[in-house]
């Protein structure tokens, strides 16, 4: 997650990966970094986003129609990090996406590409041990 400091204002933004397309997503993130944003929440689209509001659900649907998936988002992040875009990025995604990729492989890849935090709305605290263990190994 983005580190919040007392008495310091931070600007966090939120976008859905793959909109308007992957190159457009990269351009949005770069523009936000250049404009002074401290953190970008990057929504990884999911086919059944039950914890999302109707606008976010529609964005996920449109992004999936364009072929967006976790592997493509990882590739996008690798490209951005290679271009020295260093803004903090917090992935927002559903746990089935992590499970499908593989928990340990997911944690390792997040570390490699500099993901700074995760928001997983359908992962209750009592069920976080497997993911937390995998993440702790990568820190």
C-alpha atoms as a PDB file:
ATOM      1  CA  UNK A   1       0.000   0.000   0.000  1.00  0.00           C
ATOM      2  CA  UNK A   2       0.996   3.599  -0.287  1.00  0.00           C
ATOM      3  CA  UNK A   3       2.761   4.760   2.834  1.00  0.00           C
ATOM      4  CA  UNK A   4       0.735   7.472   4.523  1.00  0.00           C
ATOM      5  CA  UNK A   5       2.592   9.944   6.689  1.00  0.00           C
ATOM      6  CA  UNK A   6       0.921  12.032   9.363  1.00  0.00           C
ATOM      7  CA  UNK A   7       0.414  15.674   8.325  1.00  0.00           C
ATOM      8  CA  UNK A   8       1.514  14.983   4.757  1.00  0.00           C
ATOM      9  CA  UNK A   9      -0.916  15.117   1.899  1.00  0.00           C
ATOM     10  CA  UNK A  10      -0.686  12.405  -0.716  1.00  0.00           C
ATOM     11  CA  UNK A  11      -2.427  12.077  -4.043  1.00  0.00           C
ATOM     12  CA  UNK A  12      -3.636   8.629  -4.988  1.00  0.00           C
ATOM     13  CA  UNK A  13      -5.390   7.939  -8.281  1.00  0.00           C
ATOM     14  CA  UNK A  14      -7.280   4.935  -9.584  1.00  0.00           C
ATOM     15  CA  UNK A  15      -7.569   3.477 -13.083  1.00  0.00           C
ATOM     16  CA  UNK A  16      -8.573   0.201 -14.696  1.00  0.00           C
ATOM     17  CA  UNK A  17      -5.813  -1.580 -16.602  1.00  0.00           C
ATOM     18  CA  UNK A  18      -6.505  -1.970 -20.292  1.00  0.00           C
ATOM     19  CA  UNK A  19      -8.548   1.188 -20.766  1.00  0.00           C
ATOM     20  CA  UNK A  20      -8.526   2.685 -23.259  1.00  0.00           C
ATOM     21  CA  UNK A  21      -5.937  -0.011 -24.138  1.00  0.00           C
ATOM     22  CA  UNK A  22      -2.638  -1.164 -22.636  1.00  0.00           C
ATOM     23  CA  UNK A  23      -0.605   1.648 -24.227  1.00  0.00           C
ATOM     24  CA  UNK A  24      -3.221   4.122 -23.021  1.00  0.00           C
ATOM     25  CA  UNK A  25      -2.970   2.687 -19.517  1.00  0.00           C
ATOM     26  CA  UNK A  26       0.790   3.169 -19.591  1.00  0.00           C
ATOM     27  CA  UNK A  27       0.350   6.748 -20.819  1.00  0.00           C
ATOM     28  CA  UNK A  28      -2.164   7.466 -18.017  1.00  0.00           C
ATOM     29  CA  UNK A  29       0.168   6.133 -15.359  1.00  0.00           C
ATOM     30  CA  UNK A  30       3.131   8.091 -16.727  1.00  0.00           C
ATOM     31  CA  UNK A  31       1.041  11.273 -16.884  1.00  0.00           C
ATOM     32  CA  UNK A  32      -0.098  10.809 -13.288  1.00  0.00           C
ATOM     33  CA  UNK A  33       3.484  10.280 -12.141  1.00  0.00           C
ATOM     34  CA  UNK A  34       4.630  13.388 -14.018  1.00  0.00           C
ATOM     35  CA  UNK A  35       1.738  15.384 -12.549  1.00  0.00           C
ATOM     36  CA  UNK A  36       2.869  14.534  -9.025  1.00  0.00           C
ATOM     37  CA  UNK A  37       0.615  11.664  -7.986  1.00  0.00           C
ATOM     38  CA  UNK A  38       2.116   9.616  -5.187  1.00  0.00           C
ATOM     39  CA  UNK A  39       0.318   6.355  -5.895  1.00  0.00           C
ATOM     40  CA  UNK A  40      -1.795   4.698  -8.580  1.00  0.00           C
ATOM     41  CA  UNK A  41      -4.407   2.120  -7.703  1.00  0.00           C
ATOM     42  CA  UNK A  42      -4.443  -0.174 -10.739  1.00  0.00           C
ATOM     43  CA  UNK A  43      -7.572  -2.259 -11.082  1.00  0.00           C
ATOM     44  CA  UNK A  44      -6.946  -5.651 -12.686  1.00  0.00           C
ATOM     45  CA  UNK A  45     -10.237  -6.507 -14.432  1.00  0.00           C
ATOM     46  CA  UNK A  46     -12.190  -9.554 -13.298  1.00  0.00           C
ATOM     47  CA  UNK A  47     -15.136 -11.310 -14.908  1.00  0.00           C
ATOM     48  CA  UNK A  48     -17.359 -11.261 -11.813  1.00  0.00           C
ATOM     49  CA  UNK A  49     -16.437  -8.116  -9.858  1.00  0.00           C
ATOM     50  CA  UNK A  50     -19.105  -8.377  -7.166  1.00  0.00           C
ATOM     51  CA  UNK A  51     -17.398  -5.945  -4.768  1.00  0.00           C
ATOM     52  CA  UNK A  52     -17.311  -3.191  -7.393  1.00  0.00           C
ATOM     53  CA  UNK A  53     -19.775  -0.437  -8.111  1.00  0.00           C
ATOM     54  CA  UNK A  54     -21.587  -0.462 -11.488  1.00  0.00           C
ATOM     55  CA  UNK A  55     -19.052   1.881 -13.120  1.00  0.00           C
ATOM     56  CA  UNK A  56     -16.118  -0.290 -12.060  1.00  0.00           C
ATOM     57  CA  UNK A  57     -17.980  -3.403 -13.208  1.00  0.00           C
ATOM     58  CA  UNK A  58     -18.496  -1.857 -16.649  1.00  0.00           C
ATOM     59  CA  UNK A  59     -14.831  -0.831 -16.822  1.00  0.00           C
ATOM     60  CA  UNK A  60     -13.736  -4.393 -15.996  1.00  0.00           C
ATOM     61  CA  UNK A  61     -16.088  -5.772 -18.646  1.00  0.00           C
ATOM     62  CA  UNK A  62     -14.829  -3.373 -21.320  1.00  0.00           C
ATOM     63  CA  UNK A  63     -11.206  -4.068 -20.408  1.00  0.00           C
ATOM     64  CA  UNK A  64     -11.701  -7.835 -20.563  1.00  0.00           C
ATOM     65  CA  UNK A  65     -13.297  -7.432 -24.006  1.00  0.00           C
ATOM     66  CA  UNK A  66     -10.049  -5.756 -25.072  1.00  0.00           C
ATOM     67  CA  UNK A  67      -8.061  -8.788 -23.885  1.00  0.00           C
ATOM     68  CA  UNK A  68      -6.650  -7.430 -20.628  1.00  0.00           C
ATOM     69  CA  UNK A  69      -5.399 -10.048 -18.211  1.00  0.00           C
ATOM     70  CA  UNK A  70      -2.889 -10.304 -15.361  1.00  0.00           C
ATOM     71  CA  UNK A  71      -0.006 -11.434 -17.587  1.00  0.00           C
ATOM     72  CA  UNK A  72      -0.473  -8.383 -19.806  1.00  0.00           C
ATOM     73  CA  UNK A  73      -0.588  -6.101 -16.762  1.00  0.00           C
ATOM     74  CA  UNK A  74       2.656  -7.635 -15.478  1.00  0.00           C
ATOM     75  CA  UNK A  75       4.201  -6.994 -18.903  1.00  0.00           C
ATOM     76  CA  UNK A  76       2.971  -3.391 -18.808  1.00  0.00           C
ATOM     77  CA  UNK A  77       4.548  -2.917 -15.379  1.00  0.00           C
ATOM     78  CA  UNK A  78       7.841  -4.410 -16.574  1.00  0.00           C
ATOM     79  CA  UNK A  79       7.890  -1.983 -19.497  1.00  0.00           C
ATOM     80  CA  UNK A  80       7.137   0.996 -17.261  1.00  0.00           C
ATOM     81  CA  UNK A  81       9.787   0.053 -14.710  1.00  0.00           C
ATOM     82  CA  UNK A  82      12.237  -0.382 -17.603  1.00  0.00           C
ATOM     83  CA  UNK A  83      11.355   3.161 -18.669  1.00  0.00           C
ATOM     84  CA  UNK A  84      12.113   4.362 -15.116  1.00  0.00           C
ATOM     85  CA  UNK A  85       8.493   5.094 -14.171  1.00  0.00           C
ATOM     86  CA  UNK A  86       8.838   4.712 -10.404  1.00  0.00           C
ATOM     87  CA  UNK A  87       5.403   5.736  -9.091  1.00  0.00           C
ATOM     88  CA  UNK A  88       3.956   3.528  -6.374  1.00  0.00           C
ATOM     89  CA  UNK A  89       1.442   1.067  -7.859  1.00  0.00           C
ATOM     90  CA  UNK A  90      -1.132  -0.817  -5.796  1.00  0.00           C
ATOM     91  CA  UNK A  91      -2.898  -3.658  -7.583  1.00  0.00           C
ATOM     92  CA  UNK A  92      -6.599  -4.008  -6.893  1.00  0.00           C
ATOM     93  CA  UNK A  93      -7.755  -7.457  -7.901  1.00  0.00           C
ATOM     94  CA  UNK A  94      -9.817 -10.459  -6.909  1.00  0.00           C
ATOM     95  CA  UNK A  95      -8.234 -13.449  -5.224  1.00  0.00           C
ATOM     96  CA  UNK A  96      -9.242 -15.917  -7.934  1.00  0.00           C
ATOM     97  CA  UNK A  97      -6.878 -14.017 -10.231  1.00  0.00           C
ATOM     98  CA  UNK A  98      -4.027 -14.623  -7.782  1.00  0.00           C
ATOM     99  CA  UNK A  99      -4.948 -18.289  -7.324  1.00  0.00           C
ATOM    100  CA  UNK A 100      -5.116 -18.882 -11.069  1.00  0.00           C
ATOM    101  CA  UNK A 101      -1.664 -17.357 -11.560  1.00  0.00           C
ATOM    102  CA  UNK A 102      -0.283 -19.245  -8.550  1.00  0.00           C
ATOM    103  CA  UNK A 103       0.141 -17.604  -5.160  1.00  0.00           C
ATOM    104  CA  UNK A 104       3.923 -17.942  -4.929  1.00  0.00           C
ATOM    105  CA  UNK A 105       4.467 -17.031  -8.601  1.00  0.00           C
ATOM    106  CA  UNK A 106       2.217 -13.992  -8.111  1.00  0.00           C
ATOM    107  CA  UNK A 107       4.131 -12.801  -5.045  1.00  0.00           C
ATOM    108  CA  UNK A 108       7.467 -13.263  -6.812  1.00  0.00           C
ATOM    109  CA  UNK A 109       6.310 -11.395  -9.916  1.00  0.00           C
ATOM    110  CA  UNK A 110       4.909  -8.503  -7.849  1.00  0.00           C
ATOM    111  CA  UNK A 111       8.279  -8.172  -6.127  1.00  0.00           C
ATOM    112  CA  UNK A 112      10.167  -8.292  -9.457  1.00  0.00           C
ATOM    113  CA  UNK A 113       8.138  -5.497 -11.020  1.00  0.00           C
ATOM    114  CA  UNK A 114       7.820  -3.272  -7.994  1.00  0.00           C
ATOM    115  CA  UNK A 115       4.160  -3.567  -7.055  1.00  0.00           C
ATOM    116  CA  UNK A 116       3.978  -1.687  -3.764  1.00  0.00           C
ATOM    117  CA  UNK A 117       0.684  -2.972  -2.420  1.00  0.00           C
ATOM    118  CA  UNK A 118      -2.392  -5.089  -2.945  1.00  0.00           C
ATOM    119  CA  UNK A 119      -6.082  -4.512  -2.410  1.00  0.00           C
ATOM    120  CA  UNK A 120      -8.048  -7.757  -2.619  1.00  0.00           C
ATOM    121  CA  UNK A 121     -11.688  -7.080  -1.697  1.00  0.00           C
ATOM    122  CA  UNK A 122     -12.771 -10.732  -1.603  1.00  0.00           C
ATOM    123  CA  UNK A 123      -9.933 -12.001   0.611  1.00  0.00           C
ATOM    124  CA  UNK A 124     -10.980 -11.971   4.275  1.00  0.00           C
ATOM    125  CA  UNK A 125      -8.298 -11.370   6.874  1.00  0.00           C
ATOM    126  CA  UNK A 126      -8.629 -14.890   8.263  1.00  0.00           C
ATOM    127  CA  UNK A 127      -7.864 -16.332   4.803  1.00  0.00           C
ATOM    128  CA  UNK A 128      -4.735 -14.272   4.043  1.00  0.00           C
ATOM    129  CA  UNK A 129      -2.090 -16.587   5.475  1.00  0.00           C
ATOM    130  CA  UNK A 130      -1.053 -18.327   2.216  1.00  0.00           C
ATOM    131  CA  UNK A 131      -0.658 -15.069   0.317  1.00  0.00           C
ATOM    132  CA  UNK A 132       1.010 -13.275   3.232  1.00  0.00           C
ATOM    133  CA  UNK A 133       3.525 -16.115   3.626  1.00  0.00           C
ATOM    134  CA  UNK A 134       4.365 -15.972  -0.080  1.00  0.00           C
ATOM    135  CA  UNK A 135       4.731 -12.181   0.037  1.00  0.00           C
ATOM    136  CA  UNK A 136       6.897 -12.331   3.166  1.00  0.00           C
ATOM    137  CA  UNK A 137       9.307 -14.689   1.375  1.00  0.00           C
ATOM    138  CA  UNK A 138       9.768 -12.085  -1.354  1.00  0.00           C
ATOM    139  CA  UNK A 139      10.427  -9.088   0.880  1.00  0.00           C
END
